[in-house]
Amino acid sequence: MFAVIVNTITVLIGSTVGLLFKKGIPKRLTDAVMLGIGLCTLYIGISGTLKGENTIVLILSMVLGAIIGTALDIDGAINRLGGWIERKFSRQGEKVSVAQGFVTACLLFCVGAMTIVGSLNAGLTGDYEMLLTKSVLDLISSSMLAVSLGIGVMFAAAFVFVFQGALVLLAGVLQPLLTIAAINEIICAGSLLIVALGLNLMGITKIKVADYLPAIVIAPILCAVIQAVPALAAFFG
């Protein structure tokens, strides 16, 4: 859990720095920063989707993930939590939604390939290198994000701690499912969500990205089922 704690602290530090420098920055500059973050997010997402090896697994994961996520209203639950934070901590006259900052930062910091693979490596082998590298990147991105989206980004640190901590602790239980093919499909599905988040950041779409989060769990399960049933393996191969 050491690397998870470090990552949580770097998000707190980065967002604090961003908030300190936010005052006095013209809106046109914050808009430009937001667009730049969106473009970088798109690049990160597209790069990750190339890890996928089975398009049918990706499609089924996204479809089933959307059904489950929408039924559970995951996006609504996270937004309600963000709304509660906004009511508690927003200032009068605040131009940026605290809830938007919270939700965006949660997804950006927790859905990517480095989060998934780094947390699994930490839980299975005690290798913290990837999560520590991610911590440095999150230090920078949280500061930039806080300039545009405000204090909501800071509260995402708690989500980072819970999400990554859960992955680290569950890694041993999930190990039977974590073949190389399964990990690649997890990265592919998560990266596609990053692409959707990038489009949202750029104002092109308003996709409820959180509703697709179950796809990350479904992908390795589908890989395990396909591998266990020879007929399916031949069909999907």
C-alpha atoms as a PDB file:
ATOM      1  CA  MET A   1       0.000   0.000   0.000  1.00  0.00           C
ATOM      2  CA  PHE A   2       3.055   2.269   0.227  1.00  0.00           C
ATOM      3  CA  ALA A   3       2.832   3.363  -3.418  1.00  0.00           C
ATOM      4  CA  VAL A   4      -0.926   3.957  -3.127  1.00  0.00           C
ATOM      5  CA  ILE A   5      -0.344   6.298  -0.177  1.00  0.00           C
ATOM      6  CA  VAL A   6       2.402   8.117  -2.116  1.00  0.00           C
ATOM      7  CA  ASN A   7       0.074   8.509  -5.126  1.00  0.00           C
ATOM      8  CA  THR A   8      -2.687   9.876  -2.903  1.00  0.00           C
ATOM      9  CA  ILE A   9      -0.317  12.428  -1.385  1.00  0.00           C
ATOM     10  CA  THR A  10       0.966  13.562  -4.792  1.00  0.00           C
ATOM     11  CA  VAL A  11      -2.596  14.236  -5.971  1.00  0.00           C
ATOM     12  CA  LEU A  12      -3.192  16.314  -2.839  1.00  0.00           C
ATOM     13  CA  ILE A  13       0.033  18.267  -3.326  1.00  0.00           C
ATOM     14  CA  GLY A  14      -0.478  18.769  -7.056  1.00  0.00           C
ATOM     15  CA  SER A  15      -4.066  19.970  -6.728  1.00  0.00           C
ATOM     16  CA  THR A  16      -3.070  22.313  -3.878  1.00  0.00           C
ATOM     17  CA  VAL A  17      -0.373  23.880  -6.072  1.00  0.00           C
ATOM     18  CA  GLY A  18      -2.880  24.254  -8.903  1.00  0.00           C
ATOM     19  CA  LEU A  19      -5.385  25.978  -6.616  1.00  0.00           C
ATOM     20  CA  LEU A  20      -2.739  28.381  -5.335  1.00  0.00           C
ATOM     21  CA  PHE A  21      -1.815  29.442  -8.855  1.00  0.00           C
ATOM     22  CA  LYS A  22      -5.395  29.516 -10.089  1.00  0.00           C
ATOM     23  CA  LYS A  23      -6.153  32.986  -8.760  1.00  0.00           C
ATOM     24  CA  GLY A  24      -5.639  35.688 -11.303  1.00  0.00           C
ATOM     25  CA  ILE A  25      -5.353  33.359 -14.296  1.00  0.00           C
ATOM     26  CA  PRO A  26      -7.640  34.586 -17.140  1.00  0.00           C
ATOM     27  CA  LYS A  27     -10.456  32.310 -18.257  1.00  0.00           C
ATOM     28  CA  ARG A  28      -9.054  32.057 -21.779  1.00  0.00           C
ATOM     29  CA  LEU A  29      -5.878  30.528 -20.338  1.00  0.00           C
ATOM     30  CA  THR A  30      -7.751  28.024 -18.171  1.00  0.00           C
ATOM     31  CA  ASP A  31      -9.833  27.080 -21.228  1.00  0.00           C
ATOM     32  CA  ALA A  32      -6.620  26.553 -23.203  1.00  0.00           C
ATOM     33  CA  VAL A  33      -5.201  24.383 -20.405  1.00  0.00           C
ATOM     34  CA  MET A  34      -8.421  22.346 -20.337  1.00  0.00           C
ATOM     35  CA  LEU A  35      -8.260  21.770 -24.077  1.00  0.00           C
ATOM     36  CA  GLY A  36      -4.623  20.723 -23.786  1.00  0.00           C
ATOM     37  CA  ILE A  37      -5.454  18.238 -21.019  1.00  0.00           C
ATOM     38  CA  GLY A  38      -8.248  16.855 -23.176  1.00  0.00           C
ATOM     39  CA  LEU A  39      -5.894  16.345 -26.121  1.00  0.00           C
ATOM     40  CA  CYS A  40      -3.293  14.603 -23.923  1.00  0.00           C
ATOM     41  CA  THR A  41      -6.020  12.419 -22.422  1.00  0.00           C
ATOM     42  CA  LEU A  42      -7.106  11.397 -25.909  1.00  0.00           C
ATOM     43  CA  TYR A  43      -3.537  10.473 -26.808  1.00  0.00           C
ATOM     44  CA  ILE A  44      -3.115   8.382 -23.639  1.00  0.00           C
ATOM     45  CA  GLY A  45      -6.406   6.605 -24.272  1.00  0.00           C
ATOM     46  CA  ILE A  46      -5.760   5.850 -27.940  1.00  0.00           C
ATOM     47  CA  SER A  47      -2.284   4.518 -27.125  1.00  0.00           C
ATOM     48  CA  GLY A  48      -3.746   2.154 -24.535  1.00  0.00           C
ATOM     49  CA  THR A  49      -6.485   0.796 -26.770  1.00  0.00           C
ATOM     50  CA  LEU A  50      -3.792  -0.602 -29.083  1.00  0.00           C
ATOM     51  CA  LYS A  51      -2.966  -3.140 -26.349  1.00  0.00           C
ATOM     52  CA  GLY A  52      -6.209  -4.976 -27.073  1.00  0.00           C
ATOM     53  CA  GLU A  53      -5.994  -8.246 -28.999  1.00  0.00           C
ATOM     54  CA  ASN A  54      -9.639  -9.239 -29.359  1.00  0.00           C
ATOM     55  CA  THR A  55     -12.160  -6.718 -30.671  1.00  0.00           C
ATOM     56  CA  ILE A  56     -15.138  -8.952 -29.856  1.00  0.00           C
ATOM     57  CA  VAL A  57     -14.099  -9.117 -26.194  1.00  0.00           C
ATOM     58  CA  LEU A  58     -13.877  -5.317 -26.137  1.00  0.00           C
ATOM     59  CA  ILE A  59     -17.312  -4.912 -27.728  1.00  0.00           C
ATOM     60  CA  LEU A  60     -18.968  -7.407 -25.367  1.00  0.00           C
ATOM     61  CA  SER A  61     -17.218  -5.866 -22.365  1.00  0.00           C
ATOM     62  CA  MET A  62     -18.407  -2.369 -23.260  1.00  0.00           C
ATOM     63  CA  VAL A  63     -21.974  -3.480 -24.026  1.00  0.00           C
ATOM     64  CA  LEU A  64     -22.357  -5.573 -20.859  1.00  0.00           C
ATOM     65  CA  GLY A  65     -20.518  -2.928 -18.848  1.00  0.00           C
ATOM     66  CA  ALA A  66     -22.883  -0.235 -20.083  1.00  0.00           C
ATOM     67  CA  ILE A  67     -25.931  -2.347 -19.187  1.00  0.00           C
ATOM     68  CA  ILE A  68     -24.663  -3.086 -15.677  1.00  0.00           C
ATOM     69  CA  GLY A  69     -23.307   0.414 -15.060  1.00  0.00           C
ATOM     70  CA  THR A  70     -26.498   2.095 -16.245  1.00  0.00           C
ATOM     71  CA  ALA A  71     -28.664  -0.263 -14.194  1.00  0.00           C
ATOM     72  CA  LEU A  72     -26.579   0.488 -11.086  1.00  0.00           C
ATOM     73  CA  ASP A  73     -26.386   4.186 -12.030  1.00  0.00           C
ATOM     74  CA  ILE A  74     -22.672   4.351 -11.213  1.00  0.00           C
ATOM     75  CA  ASP A  75     -22.284   7.721 -12.919  1.00  0.00           C
ATOM     76  CA  GLY A  76     -25.203   9.087 -10.936  1.00  0.00           C
ATOM     77  CA  ALA A  77     -23.759   7.788  -7.651  1.00  0.00           C
ATOM     78  CA  ILE A  78     -20.350   9.381  -8.273  1.00  0.00           C
ATOM     79  CA  ASN A  79     -21.997  12.623  -9.368  1.00  0.00           C
ATOM     80  CA  ARG A  80     -24.188  12.636  -6.252  1.00  0.00           C
ATOM     81  CA  LEU A  81     -21.048  12.245  -4.151  1.00  0.00           C
ATOM     82  CA  GLY A  82     -19.476  15.084  -6.133  1.00  0.00           C
ATOM     83  CA  GLY A  83     -22.633  17.139  -5.609  1.00  0.00           C
ATOM     84  CA  TRP A  84     -22.456  16.572  -1.852  1.00  0.00           C
ATOM     85  CA  ILE A  85     -18.840  17.736  -1.849  1.00  0.00           C
ATOM     86  CA  GLU A  86     -19.854  20.766  -3.908  1.00  0.00           C
ATOM     87  CA  ARG A  87     -22.581  21.745  -1.429  1.00  0.00           C
ATOM     88  CA  LYS A  88     -20.132  21.415   1.463  1.00  0.00           C
ATOM     89  CA  PHE A  89     -17.096  23.128  -0.007  1.00  0.00           C
ATOM     90  CA  SER A  90     -18.056  25.331  -2.961  1.00  0.00           C
ATOM     91  CA  ARG A  91     -17.657  29.061  -2.535  1.00  0.00           C
ATOM     92  CA  GLN A  92     -20.210  31.659  -3.506  1.00  0.00           C
ATOM     93  CA  GLY A  93     -19.566  32.851  -7.027  1.00  0.00           C
ATOM     94  CA  GLU A  94     -17.478  29.809  -7.924  1.00  0.00           C
ATOM     95  CA  LYS A  95     -17.511  29.499 -11.711  1.00  0.00           C
ATOM     96  CA  VAL A  96     -16.365  25.876 -11.898  1.00  0.00           C
ATOM     97  CA  SER A  97     -18.418  22.891 -10.750  1.00  0.00           C
ATOM     98  CA  VAL A  98     -16.756  21.104  -7.828  1.00  0.00           C
ATOM     99  CA  ALA A  99     -18.642  17.961  -8.793  1.00  0.00           C
ATOM    100  CA  GLN A 100     -17.268  18.104 -12.348  1.00  0.00           C
ATOM    101  CA  GLY A 101     -13.724  18.461 -11.073  1.00  0.00           C
ATOM    102  CA  PHE A 102     -14.168  15.554  -8.665  1.00  0.00           C
ATOM    103  CA  VAL A 103     -15.704  13.162 -11.198  1.00  0.00           C
ATOM    104  CA  THR A 104     -13.269  14.052 -13.985  1.00  0.00           C
ATOM    105  CA  ALA A 105     -10.216  13.670 -11.750  1.00  0.00           C
ATOM    106  CA  CYS A 106     -11.463  10.376 -10.273  1.00  0.00           C
ATOM    107  CA  LEU A 107     -11.819   8.850 -13.726  1.00  0.00           C
ATOM    108  CA  LEU A 108      -8.596  10.312 -15.112  1.00  0.00           C
ATOM    109  CA  PHE A 109      -6.480   9.111 -12.181  1.00  0.00           C
ATOM    110  CA  CYS A 110      -8.083   5.681 -11.760  1.00  0.00           C
ATOM    111  CA  VAL A 111      -9.055   4.221 -15.145  1.00  0.00           C
ATOM    112  CA  GLY A 112      -5.747   4.269 -17.033  1.00  0.00           C
ATOM    113  CA  ALA A 113      -3.357   1.439 -17.784  1.00  0.00           C
ATOM    114  CA  MET A 114      -0.767   2.561 -15.234  1.00  0.00           C
ATOM    115  CA  THR A 115      -3.359   2.448 -12.449  1.00  0.00           C
ATOM    116  CA  ILE A 116      -4.545  -1.046 -13.314  1.00  0.00           C
ATOM    117  CA  VAL A 117      -1.218  -2.689 -14.114  1.00  0.00           C
ATOM    118  CA  GLY A 118       0.664  -0.781 -11.410  1.00  0.00           C
ATOM    119  CA  SER A 119      -1.822  -1.749  -8.703  1.00  0.00           C
ATOM    120  CA  LEU A 120      -1.818  -5.391  -9.801  1.00  0.00           C
ATOM    121  CA  ASN A 121       1.992  -5.451  -9.845  1.00  0.00           C
ATOM    122  CA  ALA A 122       2.080  -3.971  -6.361  1.00  0.00           C
ATOM    123  CA  GLY A 123      -0.396  -6.521  -5.042  1.00  0.00           C
ATOM    124  CA  LEU A 124       1.073  -9.597  -6.754  1.00  0.00           C
ATOM    125  CA  THR A 125       4.825  -8.990  -6.670  1.00  0.00           C
ATOM    126  CA  GLY A 126       5.387  -5.962  -4.435  1.00  0.00           C
ATOM    127  CA  ASP A 127       6.708  -4.014  -7.436  1.00  0.00           C
ATOM    128  CA  TYR A 128       5.875  -0.338  -6.830  1.00  0.00           C
ATOM    129  CA  GLU A 129       7.791   1.145  -9.749  1.00  0.00           C
ATOM    130  CA  MET A 130       4.817   1.777 -12.050  1.00  0.00           C
ATOM    131  CA  LEU A 131       2.629   3.294  -9.333  1.00  0.00           C
ATOM    132  CA  LEU A 132       5.465   5.545  -8.191  1.00  0.00           C
ATOM    133  CA  THR A 133       5.997   6.678 -11.785  1.00  0.00           C
ATOM    134  CA  LYS A 134       2.263   7.331 -12.041  1.00  0.00           C
ATOM    135  CA  SER A 135       2.495   9.364  -8.835  1.00  0.00           C
ATOM    136  CA  VAL A 136       4.924  11.777 -10.489  1.00  0.00           C
ATOM    137  CA  LEU A 137       2.647  12.111 -13.518  1.00  0.00           C
ATOM    138  CA  ASP A 138      -0.401  12.643 -11.287  1.00  0.00           C
ATOM    139  CA  LEU A 139       1.471  15.356  -9.386  1.00  0.00           C
ATOM    140  CA  ILE A 140       1.737  17.321 -12.626  1.00  0.00           C
ATOM    141  CA  SER A 141      -1.682  16.496 -14.075  1.00  0.00           C
ATOM    142  CA  SER A 142      -3.540  17.214 -10.809  1.00  0.00           C
ATOM    143  CA  SER A 143      -1.981  20.673 -10.622  1.00  0.00           C
ATOM    144  CA  MET A 144      -2.965  21.439 -14.222  1.00  0.00           C
ATOM    145  CA  LEU A 145      -6.442  19.998 -13.716  1.00  0.00           C
ATOM    146  CA  ALA A 146      -6.999  21.993 -10.518  1.00  0.00           C
ATOM    147  CA  VAL A 147      -6.239  25.226 -12.394  1.00  0.00           C
ATOM    148  CA  SER A 148      -9.204  24.518 -14.682  1.00  0.00           C
ATOM    149  CA  LEU A 149     -11.571  22.476 -12.494  1.00  0.00           C
ATOM    150  CA  GLY A 150     -10.878  23.753  -9.002  1.00  0.00           C
ATOM    151  CA  ILE A 151     -11.031  22.123  -5.578  1.00  0.00           C
ATOM    152  CA  GLY A 152     -12.984  19.072  -6.724  1.00  0.00           C
ATOM    153  CA  VAL A 153      -9.718  17.644  -8.054  1.00  0.00           C
ATOM    154  CA  MET A 154      -8.268  17.588  -4.540  1.00  0.00           C
ATOM    155  CA  PHE A 155     -11.093  15.417  -3.217  1.00  0.00           C
ATOM    156  CA  ALA A 156     -10.368  12.847  -5.922  1.00  0.00           C
ATOM    157  CA  ALA A 157      -7.313  11.849  -3.846  1.00  0.00           C
ATOM    158  CA  ALA A 158      -9.641   9.900  -1.538  1.00  0.00           C
ATOM    159  CA  PHE A 159     -11.069   8.014  -4.515  1.00  0.00           C
ATOM    160  CA  VAL A 160      -7.531   7.242  -5.729  1.00  0.00           C
ATOM    161  CA  PHE A 161      -6.675   5.768  -2.331  1.00  0.00           C
ATOM    162  CA  VAL A 162      -9.806   3.588  -2.164  1.00  0.00           C
ATOM    163  CA  PHE A 163      -9.768   2.429  -5.806  1.00  0.00           C
ATOM    164  CA  GLN A 164      -6.060   1.664  -6.096  1.00  0.00           C
ATOM    165  CA  GLY A 165      -5.938   0.235  -2.590  1.00  0.00           C
ATOM    166  CA  ALA A 166      -8.773  -2.150  -3.427  1.00  0.00           C
ATOM    167  CA  LEU A 167      -6.968  -3.315  -6.575  1.00  0.00           C
ATOM    168  CA  VAL A 168      -3.756  -3.946  -4.624  1.00  0.00           C
ATOM    169  CA  LEU A 169      -5.567  -5.909  -1.921  1.00  0.00           C
ATOM    170  CA  LEU A 170      -7.671  -7.934  -4.399  1.00  0.00           C
ATOM    171  CA  ALA A 171      -4.790  -8.713  -6.763  1.00  0.00           C
ATOM    172  CA  GLY A 172      -4.090 -12.063  -5.108  1.00  0.00           C
ATOM    173  CA  VAL A 173      -7.747 -13.111  -5.391  1.00  0.00           C
ATOM    174  CA  LEU A 174      -7.911 -12.049  -9.041  1.00  0.00           C
ATOM    175  CA  GLN A 175      -4.612 -13.696  -9.994  1.00  0.00           C
ATOM    176  CA  PRO A 176      -6.197 -16.789 -11.667  1.00  0.00           C
ATOM    177  CA  LEU A 177      -7.948 -14.459 -14.146  1.00  0.00           C
ATOM    178  CA  LEU A 178      -4.942 -12.251 -14.835  1.00  0.00           C
ATOM    179  CA  THR A 179      -3.369 -13.805 -17.896  1.00  0.00           C
ATOM    180  CA  ILE A 180      -1.411 -11.548 -20.246  1.00  0.00           C
ATOM    181  CA  ALA A 181      -4.354 -11.567 -22.673  1.00  0.00           C
ATOM    182  CA  ALA A 182      -6.781 -10.613 -19.889  1.00  0.00           C
ATOM    183  CA  ILE A 183      -4.580  -7.752 -18.669  1.00  0.00           C
ATOM    184  CA  ASN A 184      -4.287  -6.441 -22.236  1.00  0.00           C
ATOM    185  CA  GLU A 185      -8.078  -6.458 -22.610  1.00  0.00           C
ATOM    186  CA  ILE A 186      -8.474  -4.690 -19.249  1.00  0.00           C
ATOM    187  CA  ILE A 187      -6.052  -2.000 -20.434  1.00  0.00           C
ATOM    188  CA  CYS A 188      -7.871  -1.734 -23.766  1.00  0.00           C
ATOM    189  CA  ALA A 189     -11.304  -1.291 -22.148  1.00  0.00           C
ATOM    190  CA  GLY A 190      -9.963   1.183 -19.585  1.00  0.00           C
ATOM    191  CA  SER A 191      -8.165   3.154 -22.281  1.00  0.00           C
ATOM    192  CA  LEU A 192     -11.340   3.424 -24.331  1.00  0.00           C
ATOM    193  CA  LEU A 193     -12.961   5.026 -21.296  1.00  0.00           C
ATOM    194  CA  ILE A 194     -10.003   7.443 -21.170  1.00  0.00           C
ATOM    195  CA  VAL A 195     -10.735   8.359 -24.810  1.00  0.00           C
ATOM    196  CA  ALA A 196     -14.358   9.088 -23.861  1.00  0.00           C
ATOM    197  CA  LEU A 197     -13.163  11.193 -20.933  1.00  0.00           C
ATOM    198  CA  GLY A 198     -10.846  13.149 -23.255  1.00  0.00           C
ATOM    199  CA  LEU A 199     -13.757  13.907 -25.577  1.00  0.00           C
ATOM    200  CA  ASN A 200     -15.761  15.116 -22.572  1.00  0.00           C
ATOM    201  CA  LEU A 201     -12.905  17.345 -21.408  1.00  0.00           C
ATOM    202  CA  MET A 202     -12.765  18.954 -24.843  1.00  0.00           C
ATOM    203  CA  GLY A 203     -16.516  19.618 -24.752  1.00  0.00           C
ATOM    204  CA  ILE A 204     -17.197  17.395 -27.762  1.00  0.00           C
ATOM    205  CA  THR A 205     -19.360  14.849 -25.924  1.00  0.00           C
ATOM    206  CA  LYS A 206     -21.118  14.320 -22.594  1.00  0.00           C
ATOM    207  CA  ILE A 207     -20.599  10.588 -22.190  1.00  0.00           C
ATOM    208  CA  LYS A 208     -21.439   9.093 -18.787  1.00  0.00           C
ATOM    209  CA  VAL A 209     -18.031   7.438 -18.586  1.00  0.00           C
ATOM    210  CA  ALA A 210     -18.486   5.984 -15.088  1.00  0.00           C
ATOM    211  CA  ASP A 211     -21.414   3.871 -16.291  1.00  0.00           C
ATOM    212  CA  TYR A 212     -18.955   1.906 -18.432  1.00  0.00           C
ATOM    213  CA  LEU A 213     -16.570   1.065 -15.571  1.00  0.00           C
ATOM    214  CA  PRO A 214     -17.889  -2.529 -15.185  1.00  0.00           C
ATOM    215  CA  ALA A 215     -16.355  -3.241 -18.619  1.00  0.00           C
ATOM    216  CA  ILE A 216     -12.943  -3.308 -16.913  1.00  0.00           C
ATOM    217  CA  VAL A 217     -14.112  -6.194 -14.702  1.00  0.00           C
ATOM    218  CA  ILE A 218     -16.024  -8.014 -17.431  1.00  0.00           C
ATOM    219  CA  ALA A 219     -13.066  -8.102 -19.855  1.00  0.00           C
ATOM    220  CA  PRO A 220     -10.904 -10.575 -17.850  1.00  0.00           C
ATOM    221  CA  ILE A 221     -13.949 -12.715 -17.045  1.00  0.00           C
ATOM    222  CA  LEU A 222     -14.744 -13.044 -20.749  1.00  0.00           C
ATOM    223  CA  CYS A 223     -11.114 -13.934 -21.449  1.00  0.00           C
ATOM    224  CA  ALA A 224     -11.240 -16.659 -18.786  1.00  0.00           C
ATOM    225  CA  VAL A 225     -14.501 -18.087 -20.175  1.00  0.00           C
ATOM    226  CA  ILE A 226     -13.148 -18.102 -23.722  1.00  0.00           C
ATOM    227  CA  GLN A 227      -9.959 -19.810 -22.600  1.00  0.00           C
ATOM    228  CA  ALA A 228     -11.881 -22.437 -20.600  1.00  0.00           C
ATOM    229  CA  VAL A 229     -14.226 -23.415 -23.448  1.00  0.00           C
ATOM    230  CA  PRO A 230     -12.345 -24.739 -26.518  1.00  0.00           C
ATOM    231  CA  ALA A 231     -15.255 -24.065 -28.865  1.00  0.00           C
ATOM    232  CA  LEU A 232     -15.380 -20.419 -27.802  1.00  0.00           C
ATOM    233  CA  ALA A 233     -11.614 -20.121 -28.040  1.00  0.00           C
ATOM    234  CA  ALA A 234     -11.756 -21.318 -31.658  1.00  0.00           C
ATOM    235  CA  PHE A 235     -14.608 -18.922 -32.449  1.00  0.00           C
ATOM    236  CA  PHE A 236     -13.072 -15.840 -30.795  1.00  0.00           C
ATOM    237  CA  GLY A 237      -9.531 -16.666 -31.824  1.00  0.00           C
END
